[in-house]
Amino acid sequence: MARGPYTHVSMSIDPGQRPRIGISFYASITRARARVLESGRPYLVLESDEADVTVSTTGAGPVTAEDLEIAREIFNAAARYLADCERLHAEQHAQATDSAA
């Protein structure tokens, strides 16, 4: 069943636990950008029409070794996502071409 684009946001609040918020983009990300503020703090933003997600340094402070590790994880995950999207798009295009022939 195909659905239209949407963004899913959930929040869990359990006694004795920190609140947890989940955001899933099943819509076009309208913009992904990264910048460095005048203060020297880097940040990454993913935006859709319904939600924005911003990632920055721990406590909005100086870059830590942990921040570097998370940035590497984001980079590697984005590269895998790109490769998977390119592969699947090519496969879908090939199937559509075969079906049209």
Protein backbone atom coordinates (compact mmCIF):
# COMPACT_ATOMS: atom_id res chain seq x y z
CA MET A 1 0.00 0.00 0.00
CA ALA A 2 1.53 3.28 -1.10
CA ARG A 3 1.04 6.31 1.13
CA GLY A 4 1.50 9.96 0.47
CA PRO A 5 4.44 11.76 2.06
CA TYR A 6 4.24 12.39 5.79
CA THR A 7 6.31 13.14 8.88
CA HIS A 8 5.72 11.07 12.01
CA VAL A 9 6.48 12.60 15.41
CA SER A 10 6.12 10.67 18.67
CA MET A 11 6.87 11.43 22.30
CA SER A 12 7.14 9.01 25.20
CA ILE A 13 7.05 10.14 28.79
CA ASP A 14 7.53 7.38 31.33
CA PRO A 15 7.82 7.90 35.10
CA GLY A 16 11.45 7.96 36.19
CA GLN A 17 12.73 8.15 32.61
CA ARG A 18 13.86 11.01 30.41
CA PRO A 19 11.28 11.96 27.76
CA ARG A 20 11.98 10.52 24.31
CA ILE A 21 11.01 12.20 21.03
CA GLY A 22 11.10 10.42 17.68
CA ILE A 23 10.86 12.12 14.30
CA SER A 24 10.61 10.08 11.09
CA PHE A 25 10.63 11.77 7.71
CA TYR A 26 8.54 9.85 5.16
CA ALA A 27 8.31 13.03 3.15
CA SER A 28 10.77 14.92 1.06
CA ILE A 29 13.44 16.58 3.09
CA THR A 30 13.16 20.08 1.72
CA ARG A 31 16.63 21.03 2.84
CA ALA A 32 19.71 19.58 4.48
CA ARG A 33 22.37 22.05 5.47
CA ALA A 34 25.42 22.40 7.66
CA ARG A 35 27.01 25.59 8.86
CA VAL A 36 29.32 26.98 11.50
CA LEU A 37 27.97 29.78 13.69
CA GLU A 38 30.02 32.90 14.40
CA SER A 39 30.67 31.39 17.82
CA GLY A 40 32.50 28.54 16.09
CA ARG A 41 29.83 25.92 16.80
CA PRO A 42 28.96 23.64 13.87
CA TYR A 43 25.43 22.40 13.27
CA LEU A 44 23.50 20.18 10.86
CA VAL A 45 19.83 20.71 9.99
CA LEU A 46 17.34 18.42 8.21
CA GLU A 47 14.10 20.18 7.31
CA SER A 48 10.74 19.16 5.91
CA ASP A 49 7.52 21.12 5.66
CA GLU A 50 6.42 19.62 9.00
CA ALA A 51 9.56 19.40 11.14
CA ASP A 52 13.17 20.43 11.58
CA VAL A 53 15.91 18.40 13.25
CA THR A 54 19.09 20.15 14.33
CA VAL A 55 22.26 18.40 15.48
CA SER A 56 25.08 20.31 17.13
CA THR A 57 27.85 19.92 19.66
CA THR A 58 27.37 18.60 23.19
CA GLY A 59 25.79 21.28 25.33
CA ALA A 60 26.19 23.72 22.42
CA GLY A 61 29.82 24.01 23.49
CA PRO A 62 33.24 23.30 22.03
CA VAL A 63 33.66 20.24 19.78
CA THR A 64 34.44 17.14 21.83
CA ALA A 65 35.90 13.78 20.80
CA GLU A 66 32.38 12.36 21.20
CA ASP A 67 31.02 15.03 18.84
CA LEU A 68 33.61 13.97 16.25
CA GLU A 69 32.56 10.33 16.59
CA ILE A 70 28.87 11.18 16.14
CA ALA A 71 29.70 13.37 13.11
CA ARG A 72 31.58 10.41 11.57
CA GLU A 73 28.61 8.12 12.25
CA ILE A 74 26.25 10.62 10.57
CA PHE A 75 28.60 10.91 7.58
CA ASN A 76 28.92 7.12 7.19
CA ALA A 77 25.18 6.55 7.60
CA ALA A 78 24.40 9.27 5.03
CA ALA A 79 26.88 7.72 2.58
CA ARG A 80 25.22 4.29 3.01
CA TYR A 81 21.77 5.87 2.58
CA LEU A 82 22.92 7.59 -0.62
CA ALA A 83 24.40 4.36 -2.02
CA ASP A 84 21.23 2.41 -1.21
CA CYS A 85 19.01 5.08 -2.77
CA GLU A 86 21.14 5.17 -5.92
CA ARG A 87 21.14 1.37 -6.22
CA LEU A 88 17.41 1.01 -5.64
CA HIS A 89 16.59 3.89 -7.98
CA ALA A 90 18.66 2.29 -10.73
CA GLU A 91 16.95 -1.08 -10.14
CA GLN A 92 13.49 0.51 -10.21
CA HIS A 93 14.35 2.43 -13.37
CA ALA A 94 15.60 -0.77 -15.02
CA GLN A 95 12.40 -2.64 -14.03
CA ALA A 96 10.24 0.17 -15.38
CA THR A 97 12.20 0.16 -18.64
CA ASP A 98 11.88 -3.64 -18.93
CA SER A 99 8.12 -3.45 -18.26
CA ALA A 100 7.64 -0.76 -20.90
CA ALA A 101 9.45 -2.82 -23.56
